[in-house]
Amino acid sequence: MERTVGVDASVRSRAGRARGEVNAFFYNISNFVFLDVTDVIEDGLNVSNYVQGDSRFTGAEAVGHFDLGGGATLHASIAFVNATLTETDEHLPRIPPVQGRVGVDLPWRALVVTPEVVFAGNQSNVFRNETPTDGWATFNLVATYQIYRGHQSHLVSFTAYNLANEEYRLHTSFIKDLAPEMGRGVRVTYAVRFF
């Protein structure tokens, strides 16, 4: 049975045009269940075993919003986590590196255009047979058009992601050594909200 003892702490602040929040956590997890990928190969894939070990997780996240005037808003966030086995001080597998995003909401009437950069650092704190992952950054563009009708809100969104067609790999992916994440693409969504 897994057992967790932890502490979470949050601080929020608002001053003039800026508002932000910082969250931090510390967890001791006894008998933490995780997947250990071995160096044994069967059918071209590594054999993996579920194992348990006492672990310690520490991390923090910071989020900020800044009013730039004219309705434009800058959003920024960054987060990190460190996770180790307490008995051996080994890093646990598939723990994300430092990562974050920076974007700007640019409104015009019922349309909001948001260019953003999403990024992650290198992850070299790896477990046994796990491989390191290089850092990366991608550029996305989101355009959202919203129409209000009575007690309904209709939203049409157009998202163009990874516009530079960056080849990158997520450290949390089980198949990162076999395949990168998706390249350049677009997505269109329509949603109705009732209120």
C-alpha atoms as a PDB file:
ATOM      1  CA  MET A   1       0.000   0.000   0.000  1.00  0.00           C
ATOM      2  CA  GLU A   2       1.255   3.485  -0.882  1.00  0.00           C
ATOM      3  CA  ARG A   3       1.182   6.049   1.918  1.00  0.00           C
ATOM      4  CA  THR A   4       1.794   9.767   1.431  1.00  0.00           C
ATOM      5  CA  VAL A   5       2.702  12.464   3.934  1.00  0.00           C
ATOM      6  CA  GLY A   6       3.053  15.888   2.375  1.00  0.00           C
ATOM      7  CA  VAL A   7       2.883  19.627   2.671  1.00  0.00           C
ATOM      8  CA  ASP A   8       1.515  22.096   0.105  1.00  0.00           C
ATOM      9  CA  ALA A   9       1.963  25.854   0.379  1.00  0.00           C
ATOM     10  CA  SER A  10       0.554  28.611  -1.839  1.00  0.00           C
ATOM     11  CA  VAL A  11       0.987  32.368  -1.971  1.00  0.00           C
ATOM     12  CA  ARG A  12      -1.153  34.649  -4.146  1.00  0.00           C
ATOM     13  CA  SER A  13      -0.660  38.330  -4.740  1.00  0.00           C
ATOM     14  CA  ARG A  14      -2.263  41.145  -6.724  1.00  0.00           C
ATOM     15  CA  ALA A  15      -0.627  44.536  -7.173  1.00  0.00           C
ATOM     16  CA  GLY A  16      -1.746  47.070  -9.756  1.00  0.00           C
ATOM     17  CA  ARG A  17      -1.690  45.435 -13.171  1.00  0.00           C
ATOM     18  CA  ALA A  18       0.022  42.247 -12.005  1.00  0.00           C
ATOM     19  CA  ARG A  19      -1.229  39.164 -10.231  1.00  0.00           C
ATOM     20  CA  GLY A  20       0.535  35.928  -9.516  1.00  0.00           C
ATOM     21  CA  GLU A  21       0.680  32.722  -7.552  1.00  0.00           C
ATOM     22  CA  VAL A  22       3.483  30.500  -6.291  1.00  0.00           C
ATOM     23  CA  ASN A  23       2.829  26.918  -5.168  1.00  0.00           C
ATOM     24  CA  ALA A  24       5.347  24.600  -3.544  1.00  0.00           C
ATOM     25  CA  PHE A  25       5.049  21.016  -2.328  1.00  0.00           C
ATOM     26  CA  PHE A  26       6.966  18.341  -0.451  1.00  0.00           C
ATOM     27  CA  TYR A  27       5.794  14.696  -0.337  1.00  0.00           C
ATOM     28  CA  ASN A  28       7.221  11.552   1.241  1.00  0.00           C
ATOM     29  CA  ILE A  29       5.590   8.531  -0.420  1.00  0.00           C
ATOM     30  CA  SER A  30       6.246   5.111   1.055  1.00  0.00           C
ATOM     31  CA  ASN A  31       6.001   2.122  -1.306  1.00  0.00           C
ATOM     32  CA  PHE A  32       5.655   4.396  -4.345  1.00  0.00           C
ATOM     33  CA  VAL A  33       4.703   2.315  -7.419  1.00  0.00           C
ATOM     34  CA  PHE A  34       6.630   3.043 -10.634  1.00  0.00           C
ATOM     35  CA  LEU A  35       7.618   1.322 -13.853  1.00  0.00           C
ATOM     36  CA  ASP A  36      11.244   0.163 -14.096  1.00  0.00           C
ATOM     37  CA  VAL A  37      12.283  -0.243 -17.738  1.00  0.00           C
ATOM     38  CA  THR A  38      14.976  -2.931 -17.886  1.00  0.00           C
ATOM     39  CA  ASP A  39      17.664  -3.500 -20.528  1.00  0.00           C
ATOM     40  CA  VAL A  40      16.105  -6.891 -21.439  1.00  0.00           C
ATOM     41  CA  ILE A  41      14.671  -6.803 -24.987  1.00  0.00           C
ATOM     42  CA  GLU A  42      11.677  -8.865 -26.167  1.00  0.00           C
ATOM     43  CA  ASP A  43      10.009  -8.349 -29.567  1.00  0.00           C
ATOM     44  CA  GLY A  44      12.122  -5.215 -30.060  1.00  0.00           C
ATOM     45  CA  LEU A  45      10.910  -3.547 -26.866  1.00  0.00           C
ATOM     46  CA  ASN A  46      12.367  -3.224 -23.385  1.00  0.00           C
ATOM     47  CA  VAL A  47      10.792  -5.405 -20.704  1.00  0.00           C
ATOM     48  CA  SER A  48       9.381  -3.289 -17.868  1.00  0.00           C
ATOM     49  CA  ASN A  49       8.461  -4.228 -14.313  1.00  0.00           C
ATOM     50  CA  TYR A  50       6.281  -2.450 -11.787  1.00  0.00           C
ATOM     51  CA  VAL A  51       8.303  -2.002  -8.594  1.00  0.00           C
ATOM     52  CA  GLN A  52       7.958  -0.072  -5.335  1.00  0.00           C
ATOM     53  CA  GLY A  53      10.227   2.136  -3.279  1.00  0.00           C
ATOM     54  CA  ASP A  54      10.102   4.908  -0.703  1.00  0.00           C
ATOM     55  CA  SER A  55      10.350   8.254  -2.465  1.00  0.00           C
ATOM     56  CA  ARG A  56      10.513  12.004  -1.959  1.00  0.00           C
ATOM     57  CA  PHE A  57       8.933  14.583  -4.275  1.00  0.00           C
ATOM     58  CA  THR A  58       9.662  18.314  -4.072  1.00  0.00           C
ATOM     59  CA  GLY A  59       8.643  20.991  -6.523  1.00  0.00           C
ATOM     60  CA  ALA A  60       7.196  24.392  -7.212  1.00  0.00           C
ATOM     61  CA  GLU A  61       5.151  26.289  -9.778  1.00  0.00           C
ATOM     62  CA  ALA A  62       4.861  30.019 -10.414  1.00  0.00           C
ATOM     63  CA  VAL A  63       2.181  31.677 -12.547  1.00  0.00           C
ATOM     64  CA  GLY A  64       1.950  35.354 -13.415  1.00  0.00           C
ATOM     65  CA  HIS A  65      -0.505  37.567 -15.328  1.00  0.00           C
ATOM     66  CA  PHE A  66       0.331  41.120 -16.373  1.00  0.00           C
ATOM     67  CA  ASP A  67      -2.103  43.664 -17.829  1.00  0.00           C
ATOM     68  CA  LEU A  68      -0.325  45.323 -20.752  1.00  0.00           C
ATOM     69  CA  GLY A  69      -3.096  47.816 -21.467  1.00  0.00           C
ATOM     70  CA  GLY A  70      -5.727  47.898 -24.191  1.00  0.00           C
ATOM     71  CA  GLY A  71      -7.065  44.550 -22.969  1.00  0.00           C
ATOM     72  CA  ALA A  72      -3.812  42.699 -23.741  1.00  0.00           C
ATOM     73  CA  THR A  73      -2.521  40.348 -21.056  1.00  0.00           C
ATOM     74  CA  LEU A  74       0.848  38.639 -20.693  1.00  0.00           C
ATOM     75  CA  HIS A  75       0.747  35.167 -19.122  1.00  0.00           C
ATOM     76  CA  ALA A  76       3.827  33.318 -17.899  1.00  0.00           C
ATOM     77  CA  SER A  77       4.355  30.126 -15.916  1.00  0.00           C
ATOM     78  CA  ILE A  78       7.230  27.894 -14.876  1.00  0.00           C
ATOM     79  CA  ALA A  79       7.336  24.647 -12.897  1.00  0.00           C
ATOM     80  CA  PHE A  80       9.807  22.049 -11.713  1.00  0.00           C
ATOM     81  CA  VAL A  81       9.776  18.819  -9.731  1.00  0.00           C
ATOM     82  CA  ASN A  82      12.515  16.655  -8.239  1.00  0.00           C
ATOM     83  CA  ALA A  83      11.734  13.047  -7.300  1.00  0.00           C
ATOM     84  CA  THR A  84      14.139  10.514  -5.805  1.00  0.00           C
ATOM     85  CA  LEU A  85      14.172   7.173  -4.036  1.00  0.00           C
ATOM     86  CA  THR A  86      15.027   7.932  -0.419  1.00  0.00           C
ATOM     87  CA  GLU A  87      17.108   4.795   0.213  1.00  0.00           C
ATOM     88  CA  THR A  88      19.429   5.102  -2.821  1.00  0.00           C
ATOM     89  CA  ASP A  89      18.967   8.784  -3.785  1.00  0.00           C
ATOM     90  CA  GLU A  90      18.332   7.638  -7.385  1.00  0.00           C
ATOM     91  CA  HIS A  91      16.127   9.835  -9.549  1.00  0.00           C
ATOM     92  CA  LEU A  92      12.735   8.375 -10.380  1.00  0.00           C
ATOM     93  CA  PRO A  93      11.905   7.719 -14.067  1.00  0.00           C
ATOM     94  CA  ARG A  94       9.909   9.990 -16.387  1.00  0.00           C
ATOM     95  CA  ILE A  95      10.026  13.051 -14.132  1.00  0.00           C
ATOM     96  CA  PRO A  96       9.546  16.203 -16.232  1.00  0.00           C
ATOM     97  CA  PRO A  97      12.321  18.816 -16.382  1.00  0.00           C
ATOM     98  CA  VAL A  98      11.842  22.523 -15.711  1.00  0.00           C
ATOM     99  CA  GLN A  99       9.083  23.616 -18.068  1.00  0.00           C
ATOM    100  CA  GLY A 100       6.880  26.591 -18.731  1.00  0.00           C
ATOM    101  CA  ARG A 101       5.102  28.855 -21.176  1.00  0.00           C
ATOM    102  CA  VAL A 102       4.850  32.520 -22.083  1.00  0.00           C
ATOM    103  CA  GLY A 103       1.932  33.931 -24.061  1.00  0.00           C
ATOM    104  CA  VAL A 104       0.069  37.144 -24.776  1.00  0.00           C
ATOM    105  CA  ASP A 105      -3.723  37.501 -25.143  1.00  0.00           C
ATOM    106  CA  LEU A 106      -4.444  40.120 -27.812  1.00  0.00           C
ATOM    107  CA  PRO A 107      -8.187  40.879 -27.932  1.00  0.00           C
ATOM    108  CA  TRP A 108     -10.034  42.571 -30.792  1.00  0.00           C
ATOM    109  CA  ARG A 109     -13.812  42.745 -30.387  1.00  0.00           C
ATOM    110  CA  ALA A 110     -15.003  39.114 -30.028  1.00  0.00           C
ATOM    111  CA  LEU A 111     -11.664  37.672 -31.205  1.00  0.00           C
ATOM    112  CA  VAL A 112      -8.680  36.867 -28.990  1.00  0.00           C
ATOM    113  CA  VAL A 113      -5.365  35.942 -30.610  1.00  0.00           C
ATOM    114  CA  THR A 114      -2.743  34.318 -28.372  1.00  0.00           C
ATOM    115  CA  PRO A 115       0.806  33.676 -29.574  1.00  0.00           C
ATOM    116  CA  GLU A 116       2.740  31.566 -27.071  1.00  0.00           C
ATOM    117  CA  VAL A 117       6.049  29.825 -26.516  1.00  0.00           C
ATOM    118  CA  VAL A 118       6.099  26.506 -24.636  1.00  0.00           C
ATOM    119  CA  PHE A 119       9.469  25.261 -23.424  1.00  0.00           C
ATOM    120  CA  ALA A 120      11.235  22.593 -21.368  1.00  0.00           C
ATOM    121  CA  GLY A 121      14.807  22.292 -20.140  1.00  0.00           C
ATOM    122  CA  ASN A 122      17.184  19.356 -20.419  1.00  0.00           C
ATOM    123  CA  GLN A 123      16.428  16.373 -18.199  1.00  0.00           C
ATOM    124  CA  SER A 124      19.635  14.627 -17.193  1.00  0.00           C
ATOM    125  CA  ASN A 125      18.393  13.376 -13.793  1.00  0.00           C
ATOM    126  CA  VAL A 126      17.511   9.918 -15.041  1.00  0.00           C
ATOM    127  CA  PHE A 127      16.807   6.479 -13.593  1.00  0.00           C
ATOM    128  CA  ARG A 128      19.082   3.476 -14.346  1.00  0.00           C
ATOM    129  CA  ASN A 129      18.409   2.553 -18.012  1.00  0.00           C
ATOM    130  CA  GLU A 130      16.542   5.759 -18.784  1.00  0.00           C
ATOM    131  CA  THR A 131      18.049   8.137 -21.368  1.00  0.00           C
ATOM    132  CA  PRO A 132      18.397  11.930 -20.933  1.00  0.00           C
ATOM    133  CA  THR A 133      16.159  14.290 -22.901  1.00  0.00           C
ATOM    134  CA  ASP A 134      17.233  17.512 -24.612  1.00  0.00           C
ATOM    135  CA  GLY A 135      15.502  20.799 -23.917  1.00  0.00           C
ATOM    136  CA  TRP A 136      13.144  22.273 -26.490  1.00  0.00           C
ATOM    137  CA  ALA A 137      10.829  25.186 -27.279  1.00  0.00           C
ATOM    138  CA  THR A 138       7.786  25.374 -29.567  1.00  0.00           C
ATOM    139  CA  PHE A 139       5.753  28.289 -30.883  1.00  0.00           C
ATOM    140  CA  ASN A 140       1.953  28.087 -30.994  1.00  0.00           C
ATOM    141  CA  LEU A 141      -0.786  30.453 -32.137  1.00  0.00           C
ATOM    142  CA  VAL A 142      -4.358  30.285 -30.845  1.00  0.00           C
ATOM    143  CA  ALA A 143      -7.286  32.357 -32.156  1.00  0.00           C
ATOM    144  CA  THR A 144     -10.641  32.197 -30.343  1.00  0.00           C
ATOM    145  CA  TYR A 145     -13.877  33.823 -31.501  1.00  0.00           C
ATOM    146  CA  GLN A 146     -16.686  34.002 -28.941  1.00  0.00           C
ATOM    147  CA  ILE A 147     -20.366  34.825 -29.512  1.00  0.00           C
ATOM    148  CA  TYR A 148     -22.922  35.268 -26.725  1.00  0.00           C
ATOM    149  CA  ARG A 149     -26.535  34.300 -27.377  1.00  0.00           C
ATOM    150  CA  GLY A 150     -28.840  34.564 -24.351  1.00  0.00           C
ATOM    151  CA  HIS A 151     -27.550  32.040 -21.808  1.00  0.00           C
ATOM    152  CA  GLN A 152     -25.130  30.445 -24.251  1.00  0.00           C
ATOM    153  CA  SER A 153     -21.576  31.161 -25.281  1.00  0.00           C
ATOM    154  CA  HIS A 154     -20.365  29.818 -28.636  1.00  0.00           C
ATOM    155  CA  LEU A 155     -16.599  29.483 -29.053  1.00  0.00           C
ATOM    156  CA  VAL A 156     -14.726  28.683 -32.222  1.00  0.00           C
ATOM    157  CA  SER A 157     -10.983  28.128 -31.729  1.00  0.00           C
ATOM    158  CA  PHE A 158      -8.204  27.711 -34.238  1.00  0.00           C
ATOM    159  CA  THR A 159      -4.889  26.414 -32.914  1.00  0.00           C
ATOM    160  CA  ALA A 160      -1.687  26.188 -34.936  1.00  0.00           C
ATOM    161  CA  TYR A 161       0.919  24.349 -32.874  1.00  0.00           C
ATOM    162  CA  ASN A 162       4.636  23.730 -33.222  1.00  0.00           C
ATOM    163  CA  LEU A 163       4.785  26.266 -36.060  1.00  0.00           C
ATOM    164  CA  ALA A 164       8.564  25.918 -36.483  1.00  0.00           C
ATOM    165  CA  ASN A 165       8.121  22.140 -36.849  1.00  0.00           C
ATOM    166  CA  GLU A 166      10.572  21.571 -33.973  1.00  0.00           C
ATOM    167  CA  GLU A 167      11.532  17.947 -33.366  1.00  0.00           C
ATOM    168  CA  TYR A 168      11.265  17.365 -29.627  1.00  0.00           C
ATOM    169  CA  ARG A 169      10.639  14.608 -27.129  1.00  0.00           C
ATOM    170  CA  LEU A 170       8.740  14.655 -23.848  1.00  0.00           C
ATOM    171  CA  HIS A 171      10.694  13.121 -20.998  1.00  0.00           C
ATOM    172  CA  THR A 172       7.424  11.748 -19.571  1.00  0.00           C
ATOM    173  CA  SER A 173       6.704   9.730 -22.731  1.00  0.00           C
ATOM    174  CA  PHE A 174       7.138   5.950 -22.601  1.00  0.00           C
ATOM    175  CA  ILE A 175       8.144   5.957 -26.293  1.00  0.00           C
ATOM    176  CA  LYS A 176      10.349   9.063 -26.403  1.00  0.00           C
ATOM    177  CA  ASP A 177      13.328   7.024 -27.645  1.00  0.00           C
ATOM    178  CA  LEU A 178      11.228   5.540 -30.460  1.00  0.00           C
ATOM    179  CA  ALA A 179       9.250   8.566 -31.656  1.00  0.00           C
ATOM    180  CA  PRO A 180       9.259  12.342 -31.159  1.00  0.00           C
ATOM    181  CA  GLU A 181       6.150  14.426 -30.470  1.00  0.00           C
ATOM    182  CA  MET A 182       3.944  15.652 -33.321  1.00  0.00           C
ATOM    183  CA  GLY A 183       5.303  18.234 -35.708  1.00  0.00           C
ATOM    184  CA  ARG A 184       3.504  21.237 -37.148  1.00  0.00           C
ATOM    185  CA  GLY A 185      -0.271  20.948 -37.075  1.00  0.00           C
ATOM    186  CA  VAL A 186      -3.613  22.700 -36.794  1.00  0.00           C
ATOM    187  CA  ARG A 187      -6.744  22.031 -34.771  1.00  0.00           C
ATOM    188  CA  VAL A 188     -10.204  23.631 -35.009  1.00  0.00           C
ATOM    189  CA  THR A 189     -12.721  23.248 -32.186  1.00  0.00           C
ATOM    190  CA  TYR A 190     -16.252  24.445 -31.539  1.00  0.00           C
ATOM    191  CA  ALA A 191     -17.780  24.551 -28.070  1.00  0.00           C
ATOM    192  CA  VAL A 192     -21.042  25.713 -26.514  1.00  0.00           C
ATOM    193  CA  ARG A 193     -21.169  26.802 -22.871  1.00  0.00           C
ATOM    194  CA  PHE A 194     -24.405  27.303 -20.954  1.00  0.00           C
ATOM    195  CA  PHE A 195     -24.714  29.705 -18.040  1.00  0.00           C
END
